[in-house]
Amino acid sequence: MTTADTRCSLAREAEGSVIRLAGSWRLSSIGELDAALQALGVAPGGLAVPVVLDGAALAEIDTAAALLLWRNLAAAGASPEAVSMRGFSDAHARILELVRQRLQGVEPAAAPPRRGALASLGAATFGLLALLHGHLEYLGRVLVELGRAVVKPSRLRGRELFAQLSQVCASAIPVVALVTFLIGLVVAYLLGLQAEQYGANIFVVDGVALGLTREFSPLIVATIVAGRSGAAFTAQLGTMKLTEEIDAIRTLGLSAEQVLVVPRVLALVLSLPLLVFVGDVMGLLGAMTIAERMLDITPSTFFSRLHEALAPRHFVIGLAKAPAFALFIAVIGCRMGMSVSRDTRSIGMNTTSTVVQGIVAVILLDALFAVLLQELEL
């Protein structure tokens, strides 16, 4: 009995199964070859042993097609070591023999066992703890390098510092100003809807001033910076590591943290309080704009009430949060950039992770400040 296909045929003869190969067997047609072998009955239990391969009509074969053939024979119950070959050219026979000898080394690895819910929770917990430990360890290294720069200012690279100040501060002012202006406008509008029901329009100034300067402006500006500058740090350092520039710096006997990380950290720590101040001013301008149109509070009245309601400590507290936010954003961004592996996909993954981690860190720090200041009655 014979079953035929354009590139292979199976004949069941008295001495066993004879598989005749014909035409081109290459990687480009691997799917068609697999289907042809399955149609022949080269599947579990589909072959009578012994098995003979006949390659008299074979035009060409590569290692991918040879691997497919041997694996299908093995799955059908015919051990590759027991299969005999005939009619093959020397080149084709060498390819088949080479793949057969190395077949054990290219067998697919067994799938890892699936974790249960508790095991997955434990693995995620250990992963989170390892991430936090890495960030704290890197924070310590950065603080040491900052201390060395303070002790010996000549270590600090001024040109790189000013370049980073331009990137993270000056170029960020427009987006910070626009967003905080709109936030101040929206907050004043929402407070005004409630306040005018009770004739307490003037107290909208109190709520906007305290909320913006103490909480909203630092939090929103830090979130913008985490998504903008933190991600940029990761992408820049990750690309430098991928192109082996960081390895070159270390080969020259220089500290990559001192050359690349310290200027970025310092630039962000110096810039964020300035950006928060811009956010305070623009947020209050937005609130004043909507207050005049919606609540009939003139600019002179607004500024007069602002002077009475906004104690300097609230403004200072908002600015004091900024350096802490900046330090953690910069350390996370730089550390994730330095931990990029040797492929471009890792840069995108670490950049995305930096944005998420930076925003979460800012929110957690803000909550910690809120609890601490409450305990201190500030």
Protein backbone atom coordinates (compact mmCIF):
# COMPACT_ATOMS: atom_id res chain seq x y z
CA MET A 1 0.00 0.00 0.00
CA THR A 2 1.38 3.42 -0.96
CA THR A 3 0.30 6.91 0.10
CA ALA A 4 1.72 9.73 -2.05
CA ASP A 5 2.39 13.45 -1.69
CA THR A 6 4.38 15.84 -3.89
CA ARG A 7 7.41 15.83 -1.58
CA CYS A 8 7.06 12.60 0.39
CA SER A 9 5.40 9.22 0.11
CA LEU A 10 4.98 6.27 2.42
CA ALA A 11 5.08 2.69 1.23
CA ARG A 12 4.33 -0.18 3.58
CA GLU A 13 6.35 -3.09 2.27
CA ALA A 14 7.15 -6.52 3.61
CA GLU A 15 10.29 -5.35 5.40
CA GLY A 16 8.54 -2.34 7.04
CA SER A 17 7.80 1.32 6.16
CA VAL A 18 9.67 3.10 3.39
CA ILE A 19 9.44 6.93 3.33
CA ARG A 20 10.55 8.46 0.03
CA LEU A 21 11.57 12.12 0.06
CA ALA A 22 11.45 14.29 -3.05
CA GLY A 23 11.89 17.94 -4.05
CA SER A 24 12.93 20.74 -1.73
CA TRP A 25 12.89 20.36 2.05
CA ARG A 26 13.71 23.76 3.53
CA LEU A 27 12.73 26.03 6.42
CA SER A 28 10.64 28.28 4.15
CA SER A 29 8.09 25.48 3.63
CA ILE A 30 8.30 23.87 7.07
CA GLY A 31 4.55 24.15 7.71
CA GLU A 32 3.67 22.38 4.46
CA LEU A 33 6.23 19.65 5.16
CA ASP A 34 4.81 19.05 8.61
CA ALA A 35 1.29 18.76 7.18
CA ALA A 36 2.53 16.33 4.53
CA LEU A 37 4.19 14.12 7.13
CA GLN A 38 1.05 14.13 9.27
CA ALA A 39 -1.04 13.19 6.22
CA LEU A 40 1.23 10.23 5.55
CA GLY A 41 0.51 8.81 8.98
CA VAL A 42 3.85 9.84 10.45
CA ALA A 43 2.16 10.37 13.78
CA PRO A 44 2.02 8.32 16.99
CA GLY A 45 1.29 4.74 16.03
CA GLY A 46 1.25 5.50 12.29
CA LEU A 47 4.39 3.61 11.24
CA ALA A 48 5.33 -0.02 10.97
CA VAL A 49 8.92 -0.71 11.95
CA PRO A 50 11.61 -0.97 10.74
CA VAL A 51 11.64 2.36 8.91
CA VAL A 52 13.74 3.19 5.82
CA LEU A 53 14.32 6.69 4.43
CA ASP A 54 14.80 6.87 0.66
CA GLY A 55 16.34 10.12 -0.63
CA ALA A 56 16.99 9.25 -4.26
CA ALA A 57 14.60 11.98 -5.48
CA LEU A 58 15.53 14.58 -2.85
CA ALA A 59 16.72 17.88 -4.37
CA GLU A 60 17.75 19.79 -1.21
CA ILE A 61 17.33 19.68 2.56
CA ASP A 62 18.39 21.91 5.45
CA THR A 63 18.77 21.28 9.15
CA ALA A 64 15.32 22.68 10.05
CA ALA A 65 13.57 20.23 7.72
CA ALA A 66 15.82 17.40 8.91
CA LEU A 67 14.92 18.18 12.52
CA LEU A 68 11.22 18.18 11.62
CA LEU A 69 11.58 14.78 9.94
CA TRP A 70 13.43 13.16 12.85
CA ARG A 71 11.02 14.55 15.42
CA ASN A 72 7.98 13.29 13.51
CA LEU A 73 9.55 9.84 13.19
CA ALA A 74 10.34 9.78 16.90
CA ALA A 75 6.76 10.84 17.73
CA ALA A 76 5.47 8.02 15.48
CA GLY A 77 7.38 5.46 17.54
CA ALA A 78 10.37 5.01 15.22
CA SER A 79 13.60 5.68 17.09
CA PRO A 80 15.86 7.90 14.92
CA GLU A 81 18.85 5.68 15.77
CA ALA A 82 17.05 2.64 14.29
CA VAL A 83 16.03 4.34 11.02
CA SER A 84 18.16 3.41 8.02
CA MET A 85 18.86 5.63 5.00
CA ARG A 86 19.40 4.86 1.37
CA GLY A 87 19.75 6.72 -1.91
CA PHE A 88 20.86 10.03 -0.32
CA SER A 89 23.69 12.11 -1.75
CA ASP A 90 26.69 12.55 0.51
CA ALA A 91 25.73 16.16 1.39
CA HIS A 92 22.14 15.28 2.27
CA ALA A 93 23.21 12.24 4.26
CA ARG A 94 25.68 14.35 6.27
CA ILE A 95 22.94 16.89 7.16
CA LEU A 96 20.53 14.18 8.28
CA GLU A 97 23.22 12.37 10.25
CA LEU A 98 24.40 15.57 11.94
CA VAL A 99 20.85 16.45 13.06
CA ARG A 100 20.21 12.88 14.21
CA GLN A 101 23.36 12.91 16.35
CA ARG A 102 22.38 16.20 17.98
CA LEU A 103 18.68 15.53 18.30
CA GLN A 104 18.84 14.97 22.04
CA GLY A 105 20.46 18.37 22.58
CA VAL A 106 17.72 20.31 20.77
CA GLU A 107 14.71 18.66 22.33
CA PRO A 108 12.34 21.31 23.73
CA ALA A 109 12.66 21.84 27.47
CA ALA A 110 9.81 20.66 29.61
CA ALA A 111 7.36 23.39 30.54
CA PRO A 112 7.86 24.60 34.11
CA PRO A 113 5.16 23.54 36.54
CA ARG A 114 2.33 26.01 36.96
CA ARG A 115 2.30 27.90 40.24
CA GLY A 116 -0.68 28.01 42.47
CA ALA A 117 -2.19 31.23 43.79
CA LEU A 118 -0.18 31.15 47.02
CA ALA A 119 3.09 30.40 45.22
CA SER A 120 2.43 33.23 42.73
CA LEU A 121 1.76 35.61 45.62
CA GLY A 122 4.98 34.55 47.31
CA ALA A 123 7.01 34.96 44.12
CA ALA A 124 5.52 38.42 43.54
CA THR A 125 6.32 39.40 47.14
CA PHE A 126 9.93 38.26 46.85
CA GLY A 127 10.22 40.08 43.52
CA LEU A 128 8.92 43.29 45.08
CA LEU A 129 11.30 42.97 48.05
CA ALA A 130 14.23 42.38 45.69
CA LEU A 131 13.24 45.47 43.69
CA LEU A 132 13.04 47.63 46.82
CA HIS A 133 16.37 46.27 48.07
CA GLY A 134 17.97 47.12 44.72
CA HIS A 135 16.59 50.66 44.80
CA LEU A 136 17.78 51.25 48.38
CA GLU A 137 21.22 49.86 47.58
CA TYR A 138 21.48 52.10 44.53
CA LEU A 139 20.25 55.09 46.54
CA GLY A 140 23.15 54.49 48.95
CA ARG A 141 25.65 54.38 46.08
CA VAL A 142 24.28 57.62 44.65
CA LEU A 143 24.44 59.36 48.04
CA VAL A 144 28.06 58.25 48.43
CA GLU A 145 28.93 59.70 45.01
CA LEU A 146 27.06 62.92 45.89
CA GLY A 147 29.08 63.14 49.11
CA ARG A 148 32.32 62.74 47.17
CA ALA A 149 31.24 65.51 44.80
CA VAL A 150 30.50 67.80 47.76
CA VAL A 151 33.89 67.07 49.37
CA LYS A 152 35.71 67.53 46.07
CA PRO A 153 33.65 69.77 43.73
CA SER A 154 36.07 69.19 40.85
CA ARG A 155 34.57 65.70 40.51
CA LEU A 156 31.25 67.22 39.45
CA ARG A 157 30.83 67.59 35.70
CA GLY A 158 29.42 71.08 35.31
CA ARG A 159 28.71 70.90 31.59
CA GLU A 160 26.63 67.74 31.99
CA LEU A 161 24.84 69.25 35.00
CA PHE A 162 23.77 72.35 33.06
CA ALA A 163 22.74 70.25 30.07
CA GLN A 164 20.47 68.20 32.34
CA LEU A 165 19.10 71.35 34.01
CA SER A 166 18.09 72.60 30.58
CA GLN A 167 16.42 69.32 29.75
CA VAL A 168 14.57 68.59 33.00
CA CYS A 169 13.78 72.15 34.10
CA ALA A 170 13.63 74.76 31.33
CA SER A 171 11.98 72.52 28.76
CA ALA A 172 9.46 71.23 31.32
CA ILE A 173 8.10 74.66 32.29
CA PRO A 174 5.48 74.93 29.49
CA VAL A 175 3.80 71.58 30.19
CA VAL A 176 3.92 72.14 33.98
CA ALA A 177 2.44 75.61 33.62
CA LEU A 178 -0.37 74.43 31.35
CA VAL A 179 -1.36 71.43 33.46
CA THR A 180 -1.29 73.24 36.81
CA PHE A 181 -3.21 76.22 35.37
CA LEU A 182 -5.98 73.85 34.27
CA ILE A 183 -5.91 71.98 37.60
CA GLY A 184 -6.29 75.25 39.52
CA LEU A 185 -9.16 76.26 37.26
CA VAL A 186 -10.97 72.94 37.69
CA VAL A 187 -10.48 72.82 41.49
CA ALA A 188 -11.77 76.37 41.90
CA TYR A 189 -14.74 75.60 39.64
CA LEU A 190 -15.72 72.51 41.63
CA LEU A 191 -15.31 74.26 44.98
CA GLY A 192 -17.26 77.24 43.67
CA LEU A 193 -20.25 75.08 42.70
CA GLN A 194 -20.65 74.09 46.33
CA ALA A 195 -19.58 77.32 48.01
CA GLU A 196 -22.00 79.61 46.14
CA GLN A 197 -24.96 77.54 47.38
CA TYR A 198 -24.16 78.82 50.90
CA GLY A 199 -22.91 82.28 49.95
CA ALA A 200 -19.36 81.33 50.92
CA ASN A 201 -17.73 82.29 47.64
CA ILE A 202 -14.72 83.91 49.25
CA PHE A 203 -13.70 80.67 50.98
CA VAL A 204 -12.96 79.13 47.59
CA VAL A 205 -9.70 81.09 47.71
CA ASP A 206 -8.78 79.40 51.01
CA GLY A 207 -9.42 75.90 49.67
CA VAL A 208 -7.60 76.44 46.40
CA ALA A 209 -4.60 78.13 48.02
CA LEU A 210 -4.09 75.46 50.69
CA GLY A 211 -4.83 72.52 48.39
CA LEU A 212 -2.65 73.67 45.52
CA THR A 213 0.43 74.84 47.38
CA ARG A 214 0.53 72.05 49.96
CA GLU A 215 -0.66 68.97 48.04
CA PHE A 216 -1.86 69.29 44.44
CA SER A 217 1.00 71.22 42.90
CA PRO A 218 3.89 69.11 44.34
CA LEU A 219 2.06 65.88 43.56
CA ILE A 220 1.02 66.79 40.02
CA VAL A 221 4.37 68.31 39.07
CA ALA A 222 6.25 65.30 40.46
CA THR A 223 3.96 62.96 38.48
CA ILE A 224 4.68 64.92 35.29
CA VAL A 225 8.41 64.79 35.97
CA ALA A 226 8.29 61.05 36.71
CA GLY A 227 6.66 60.42 33.35
CA ARG A 228 8.92 62.83 31.51
CA SER A 229 12.38 63.02 33.06
CA GLY A 230 12.38 59.66 34.87
CA ALA A 231 11.52 57.84 31.67
CA ALA A 232 14.12 59.90 29.76
CA PHE A 233 16.85 58.92 32.25
CA THR A 234 16.04 55.23 31.80
CA ALA A 235 15.95 55.45 28.03
CA GLN A 236 19.20 57.45 27.82
CA LEU A 237 21.21 55.26 30.19
CA GLY A 238 19.67 52.07 28.79
CA THR A 239 20.71 53.04 25.27
CA MET A 240 24.21 53.90 26.49
CA LYS A 241 24.48 50.50 28.15
CA LEU A 242 23.19 48.76 25.02
CA THR A 243 25.81 50.51 22.89
CA GLU A 244 28.50 49.71 25.52
CA GLU A 245 29.25 53.36 26.25
CA ILE A 246 28.92 52.72 30.00
CA ASP A 247 31.39 49.82 29.72
CA ALA A 248 33.79 52.16 27.94
CA ILE A 249 33.51 54.72 30.76
CA ARG A 250 34.32 52.05 33.34
CA THR A 251 37.19 50.75 31.21
CA LEU A 252 38.73 54.23 31.42
CA GLY A 253 38.70 53.90 35.21
CA LEU A 254 35.83 56.37 35.74
CA SER A 255 32.74 55.90 37.87
CA ALA A 256 29.64 55.66 35.67
CA GLU A 257 27.55 56.90 38.61
CA GLN A 258 29.74 59.98 39.04
CA VAL A 259 29.84 60.76 35.32
CA LEU A 260 26.24 59.98 34.35
CA VAL A 261 24.01 59.59 37.40
CA VAL A 262 25.10 62.38 39.78
CA PRO A 263 24.47 65.22 37.27
CA ARG A 264 21.00 63.85 36.53
CA VAL A 265 20.10 63.45 40.20
CA LEU A 266 21.38 66.91 41.12
CA ALA A 267 19.61 68.51 38.15
CA LEU A 268 16.28 66.97 39.11
CA VAL A 269 16.65 67.79 42.83
CA LEU A 270 17.40 71.42 41.98
CA SER A 271 14.73 71.69 39.29
CA LEU A 272 11.67 70.20 40.96
CA PRO A 273 11.24 72.94 43.64
CA LEU A 274 11.40 75.54 40.85
CA LEU A 275 8.81 73.63 38.83
CA VAL A 276 6.57 73.31 41.90
CA PHE A 277 6.80 77.08 42.38
CA VAL A 278 5.75 77.56 38.75
CA GLY A 279 2.89 75.14 39.39
CA ASP A 280 1.77 77.10 42.47
CA VAL A 281 1.72 80.38 40.57
CA MET A 282 -0.07 79.00 37.50
CA GLY A 283 -2.57 77.05 39.59
CA LEU A 284 -3.52 80.16 41.53
CA LEU A 285 -3.82 82.13 38.27
CA GLY A 286 -6.17 79.47 36.95
CA ALA A 287 -8.24 79.64 40.13
CA MET A 288 -8.34 83.44 39.97
CA THR A 289 -9.50 83.31 36.34
CA ILE A 290 -12.51 81.11 37.07
CA ALA A 291 -13.25 82.89 40.38
CA GLU A 292 -13.66 86.22 38.63
CA ARG A 293 -16.00 84.85 35.97
CA MET A 294 -18.01 82.43 38.10
CA LEU A 295 -17.96 83.82 41.63
CA ASP A 296 -17.53 87.58 41.03
CA ILE A 297 -14.28 87.61 43.02
CA THR A 298 -12.09 90.34 41.56
CA PRO A 299 -8.31 89.84 41.31
CA SER A 300 -7.68 92.41 44.06
CA THR A 301 -10.13 90.61 46.36
CA PHE A 302 -8.58 87.26 45.43
CA PHE A 303 -5.05 88.42 46.30
CA SER A 304 -6.22 90.08 49.50
CA ARG A 305 -7.90 86.88 50.69
CA LEU A 306 -4.93 84.81 49.51
CA HIS A 307 -2.64 86.91 51.70
CA GLU A 308 -4.85 86.24 54.74
CA ALA A 309 -5.54 82.52 54.11
CA LEU A 310 -2.19 81.20 52.90
CA ALA A 311 0.29 80.95 55.75
CA PRO A 312 3.92 80.76 54.59
CA ARG A 313 4.38 77.33 56.17
CA HIS A 314 1.95 75.71 53.72
CA PHE A 315 3.87 77.10 50.77
CA VAL A 316 7.20 76.01 52.30
CA ILE A 317 5.91 72.50 53.05
CA GLY A 318 4.90 72.07 49.41
CA LEU A 319 8.33 73.17 48.21
CA ALA A 320 10.10 71.00 50.82
CA LYS A 321 8.47 67.85 49.44
CA ALA A 322 9.89 68.47 45.99
CA PRO A 323 13.56 67.49 46.60
CA ALA A 324 12.52 64.20 48.21
CA PHE A 325 10.23 63.40 45.29
CA ALA A 326 12.99 64.33 42.84
CA LEU A 327 15.63 62.18 44.55
CA PHE A 328 13.51 59.04 44.38
CA ILE A 329 12.37 59.69 40.81
CA ALA A 330 15.95 60.22 39.64
CA VAL A 331 17.34 57.19 41.49
CA ILE A 332 14.60 54.91 40.13
CA GLY A 333 15.05 56.23 36.59
CA CYS A 334 18.84 55.89 36.64
CA ARG A 335 18.86 52.50 38.30
CA MET A 336 16.35 51.06 35.83
CA GLY A 337 18.47 52.45 32.99
CA MET A 338 21.62 50.86 34.40
CA SER A 339 19.85 47.50 34.80
CA VAL A 340 18.79 47.26 31.13
CA SER A 341 19.81 43.94 29.58
CA ARG A 342 21.50 43.59 26.20
CA ASP A 343 18.40 43.93 24.01
CA THR A 344 16.23 46.81 22.81
CA ARG A 345 13.04 45.24 24.20
CA SER A 346 14.42 45.65 27.72
CA ILE A 347 14.73 49.42 27.22
CA GLY A 348 11.01 49.77 26.54
CA MET A 349 10.05 47.52 29.46
CA ASN A 350 12.32 49.32 31.92
CA THR A 351 11.15 52.73 30.72
CA THR A 352 7.52 51.77 31.29
CA SER A 353 8.42 50.32 34.68
CA THR A 354 10.22 53.55 35.64
CA VAL A 355 7.11 55.65 35.02
CA VAL A 356 4.92 53.34 37.11
CA GLN A 357 7.44 53.03 39.94
CA GLY A 358 8.11 56.77 39.97
CA ILE A 359 4.42 57.68 40.26
CA VAL A 360 3.84 55.06 42.98
CA ALA A 361 6.90 56.30 44.89
CA VAL A 362 5.66 59.90 44.72
CA ILE A 363 2.22 58.96 46.04
CA LEU A 364 3.68 56.87 48.86
CA LEU A 365 6.09 59.64 49.84
CA ASP A 366 3.27 62.17 49.81
CA ALA A 367 1.21 59.96 52.11
CA LEU A 368 4.22 59.57 54.41
CA PHE A 369 4.68 63.36 54.51
CA ALA A 370 0.99 63.81 55.31
CA VAL A 371 1.16 61.43 58.28
CA LEU A 372 4.43 62.91 59.54
CA LEU A 373 3.24 66.51 59.28
CA GLN A 374 0.00 65.59 61.00
CA GLU A 375 1.96 64.11 63.90
CA LEU A 376 4.06 67.28 64.04
CA GLU A 377 0.88 69.39 63.84
CA LEU A 378 2.20 71.37 60.88
